[in-house]
């Protein structure tokens, strides 16, 4: 009887999951957000983490160098095919308001002596992206803030325009502070943030989700504490979703919004870049009412 019992136990143990599966977190999204408390991840973080040496810079976790000798493959893709880079860690500042007011105040932060400005005709139409160096207001050639790229939203017939400025995360706070000063945007804009809709299946899973992300992971019962909510990660770290990240001026009517990590940005390098975009993106059919 003891021998039969031992054989039966061995068969049951063989059916158990492997150690990697047993140690896997129940809610991967909550675990990933917990690991992004100090340095947030890009959308392609999982792919890079398996193939690159990761470094922590500017509040992000970025891929620094590949783990394999892929330099020749990257060079071959740049010269003959297509190479993609993830530049989503660049911060996006959105400006909305009247075109004349935007150009009037932005002219104080740049100079025509350094090259293109925000008033360049090809860039102002929204067809091309421009780049320039920003300075503190009325302090050119001193008080340089750093290089930025920008793109205007094409005109829709109204005098209100929309401008996106892409800045390096190391320069974001200084440039954002200067933009808020020249446009007098001090009052936070009210933003209605809708709560995520949870299905019945998700609610059942939340009952079994871990109560704490510590060393021991215990399942909670229906009468236990609620599950750890999944936080929305924007910009330089985890923010309270009820805190405003958009400011408006009552005098000029200009609104400034921080769209960091909300708009993904990729760079394609190589002679086949346009072919890749053509095969990837499909033009939508325009329906006129």
Foldseek 3Di string as FASTA:
>chain_A
DVVVVVVVVVVVVVPDDDPVVVPDALDVLVVQQVVLFQAHEAPCRVVLVVFADWDGPLLHIDGDGGPDPCPVVQVCCQAANKDKDWPLLWWKKKKKAFPVVVQVLQCQFFDCVFPDGCPDPCQVQQNDKAKGWTAAGNDPPPRTQGIKIKHWDHDPPDRMTMMMITHHSVRVVVVVVRVCVSQVFDAFDADDDDDDDDDPVRVVSQQQHFQDPDDDGHGHHPPDDTHDDRFDAFHSRTDDPRDGQKTADPVRGMIMGTCRSVDIDMDMHYPCPVVVCVVPDDDDDDDDD
